C-alpha atoms as a PDB file:
ATOM      1  CA  MET A   1       0.000   0.000   0.000  1.00  0.00           C
ATOM      2  CA  GLN A   2       1.345   3.415  -0.934  1.00  0.00           C
ATOM      3  CA  LYS A   3       1.913   6.039   1.720  1.00  0.00           C
ATOM      4  CA  ARG A   4       0.023   9.285   1.420  1.00  0.00           C
ATOM      5  CA  SER A   5       1.895  12.415   0.529  1.00  0.00           C
ATOM      6  CA  SER A   6       2.037  15.104   3.180  1.00  0.00           C
ATOM      7  CA  LYS A   7       2.116  17.856   0.556  1.00  0.00           C
ATOM      8  CA  LYS A   8      -1.064  19.821   0.082  1.00  0.00           C
ATOM      9  CA  ILE A   9      -1.828  19.656  -3.623  1.00  0.00           C
ATOM     10  CA  ASP A  10      -5.056  20.463  -5.349  1.00  0.00           C
ATOM     11  CA  LYS A  11      -6.332  16.961  -6.134  1.00  0.00           C
ATOM     12  CA  LYS A  12      -8.823  18.345  -8.666  1.00  0.00           C
ATOM     13  CA  ASP A  13      -6.119  19.764 -10.937  1.00  0.00           C
ATOM     14  CA  ILE A  14      -6.314  17.923 -14.273  1.00  0.00           C
ATOM     15  CA  ASN A  15      -2.567  18.130 -14.859  1.00  0.00           C
ATOM     16  CA  PHE A  16      -1.890  16.620 -11.440  1.00  0.00           C
ATOM     17  CA  ILE A  17      -4.324  13.772 -12.070  1.00  0.00           C
ATOM     18  CA  ALA A  18      -2.900  13.069 -15.539  1.00  0.00           C
ATOM     19  CA  ALA A  19       0.670  13.069 -14.268  1.00  0.00           C
ATOM     20  CA  ASN A  20      -0.260  10.638 -11.489  1.00  0.00           C
ATOM     21  CA  ILE A  21      -1.957   8.283 -13.944  1.00  0.00           C
ATOM     22  CA  VAL A  22       1.111   8.250 -16.194  1.00  0.00           C
ATOM     23  CA  LYS A  23       3.383   7.749 -13.193  1.00  0.00           C
ATOM     24  CA  GLN A  24       1.341   4.810 -11.890  1.00  0.00           C
ATOM     25  CA  THR A  25       1.011   3.052 -15.247  1.00  0.00           C
ATOM     26  CA  THR A  26       4.633   3.380 -16.352  1.00  0.00           C
ATOM     27  CA  ASN A  27       6.339   3.022 -12.949  1.00  0.00           C
ATOM     28  CA  GLU A  28       8.769   5.736 -14.025  1.00  0.00           C
ATOM     29  CA  PRO A  29       9.337   9.037 -12.258  1.00  0.00           C
ATOM     30  CA  ILE A  30       8.121  12.099 -14.099  1.00  0.00           C
ATOM     31  CA  PRO A  31      11.091  14.379 -14.868  1.00  0.00           C
ATOM     32  CA  LYS A  32      10.817  17.862 -13.426  1.00  0.00           C
ATOM     33  CA  PRO A  33      11.584  20.801 -15.716  1.00  0.00           C
ATOM     34  CA  PRO A  34      14.775  22.654 -14.766  1.00  0.00           C
ATOM     35  CA  LYS A  35      14.297  25.780 -12.681  1.00  0.00           C
ATOM     36  CA  LYS A  36      14.738  29.096 -14.445  1.00  0.00           C
ATOM     37  CA  GLU A  37      17.210  30.279 -11.792  1.00  0.00           C
ATOM     38  CA  ASP A  38      19.466  27.295 -12.496  1.00  0.00           C
ATOM     39  CA  GLN A  39      19.605  28.073 -16.210  1.00  0.00           C
ATOM     40  CA  ASP A  40      20.783  31.649 -15.654  1.00  0.00           C
ATOM     41  CA  LYS A  41      23.671  30.788 -13.339  1.00  0.00           C
ATOM     42  CA  ASN A  42      27.237  30.172 -14.403  1.00  0.00           C
ATOM     43  CA  PRO A  43      28.327  26.809 -12.919  1.00  0.00           C
ATOM     44  CA  ALA A  44      31.875  28.053 -12.319  1.00  0.00           C
ATOM     45  CA  ALA A  45      30.594  31.061 -10.380  1.00  0.00           C
ATOM     46  CA  VAL A  46      28.284  28.843  -8.337  1.00  0.00           C
ATOM     47  CA  ALA A  47      31.182  26.564  -7.379  1.00  0.00           C
ATOM     48  CA  LEU A  48      33.379  29.527  -6.475  1.00  0.00           C
ATOM     49  CA  GLY A  49      30.642  31.064  -4.335  1.00  0.00           C
ATOM     50  CA  ARG A  50      30.136  27.788  -2.515  1.00  0.00           C
ATOM     51  CA  LEU A  51      33.843  27.581  -1.712  1.00  0.00           C
ATOM     52  CA  GLY A  52      33.750  31.056  -0.206  1.00  0.00           C
ATOM     53  CA  GLY A  53      30.608  30.240   1.733  1.00  0.00           C
ATOM     54  CA  LEU A  54      32.120  27.126   3.257  1.00  0.00           C
ATOM     55  CA  LYS A  55      35.110  28.927   4.711  1.00  0.00           C
ATOM     56  CA  GLY A  56      33.502  32.326   5.316  1.00  0.00           C
ATOM     57  CA  GLY A  57      32.257  32.025   8.904  1.00  0.00           C
ATOM     58  CA  LYS A  58      35.363  30.356  10.215  1.00  0.00           C
ATOM     59  CA  ALA A  59      37.695  32.818   8.473  1.00  0.00           C
ATOM     60  CA  ARG A  60      35.650  35.758   9.787  1.00  0.00           C
ATOM     61  CA  SER A  61      35.700  34.494  13.365  1.00  0.00           C
ATOM     62  CA  GLU A  62      39.474  34.016  13.209  1.00  0.00           C
ATOM     63  CA  SER A  63      39.983  37.558  11.931  1.00  0.00           C
ATOM     64  CA  LEU A  64      37.811  39.246  14.603  1.00  0.00           C
ATOM     65  CA  THR A  65      39.351  40.607  17.762  1.00  0.00           C
ATOM     66  CA  PRO A  66      37.944  39.411  21.097  1.00  0.00           C
ATOM     67  CA  GLU A  67      36.539  42.910  21.745  1.00  0.00           C
ATOM     68  CA  ARG A  68      34.682  42.945  18.416  1.00  0.00           C
ATOM     69  CA  ARG A  69      33.288  39.443  19.019  1.00  0.00           C
ATOM     70  CA  LYS A  70      32.033  40.637  22.408  1.00  0.00           C
ATOM     71  CA  GLU A  71      30.298  43.648  20.795  1.00  0.00           C
ATOM     72  CA  ILE A  72      28.612  41.411  18.231  1.00  0.00           C
ATOM     73  CA  ALA A  73      27.469  38.969  20.930  1.00  0.00           C
ATOM     74  CA  LYS A  74      26.052  41.803  23.083  1.00  0.00           C
ATOM     75  CA  LYS A  75      24.147  43.241  20.141  1.00  0.00           C
ATOM     76  CA  ALA A  76      22.716  39.809  19.288  1.00  0.00           C
ATOM     77  CA  ALA A  77      21.644  39.198  22.896  1.00  0.00           C
ATOM     78  CA  GLU A  78      19.971  42.619  23.122  1.00  0.00           C
ATOM     79  CA  THR A  79      18.104  41.959  19.879  1.00  0.00           C
ATOM     80  CA  ARG A  80      16.908  38.552  21.121  1.00  0.00           C
ATOM     81  CA  TRP A  81      15.712  39.970  24.438  1.00  0.00           C
ATOM     82  CA  LYS A  82      13.899  42.943  22.835  1.00  0.00           C
ATOM     83  CA  LYS A  83      11.123  40.623  21.686  1.00  0.00           C
END
């Protein structure tokens, strides 16, 4: 028995129903169209940005002075307690 999906999808949508029928009869996953954002991005730039993102927080924390880290922590605590 198949498990029910937790996603809320309009079950009356004809395209949804047709896609499900095709999926059930062929036992093959329906390919999703590529996102528009993915088509506009340069793969080399994406990889380079990811590299910078992976080392960014650690490199920033190493470059901060203890006084500056303390200021940042105080500001964050004040912001949390304002609510």
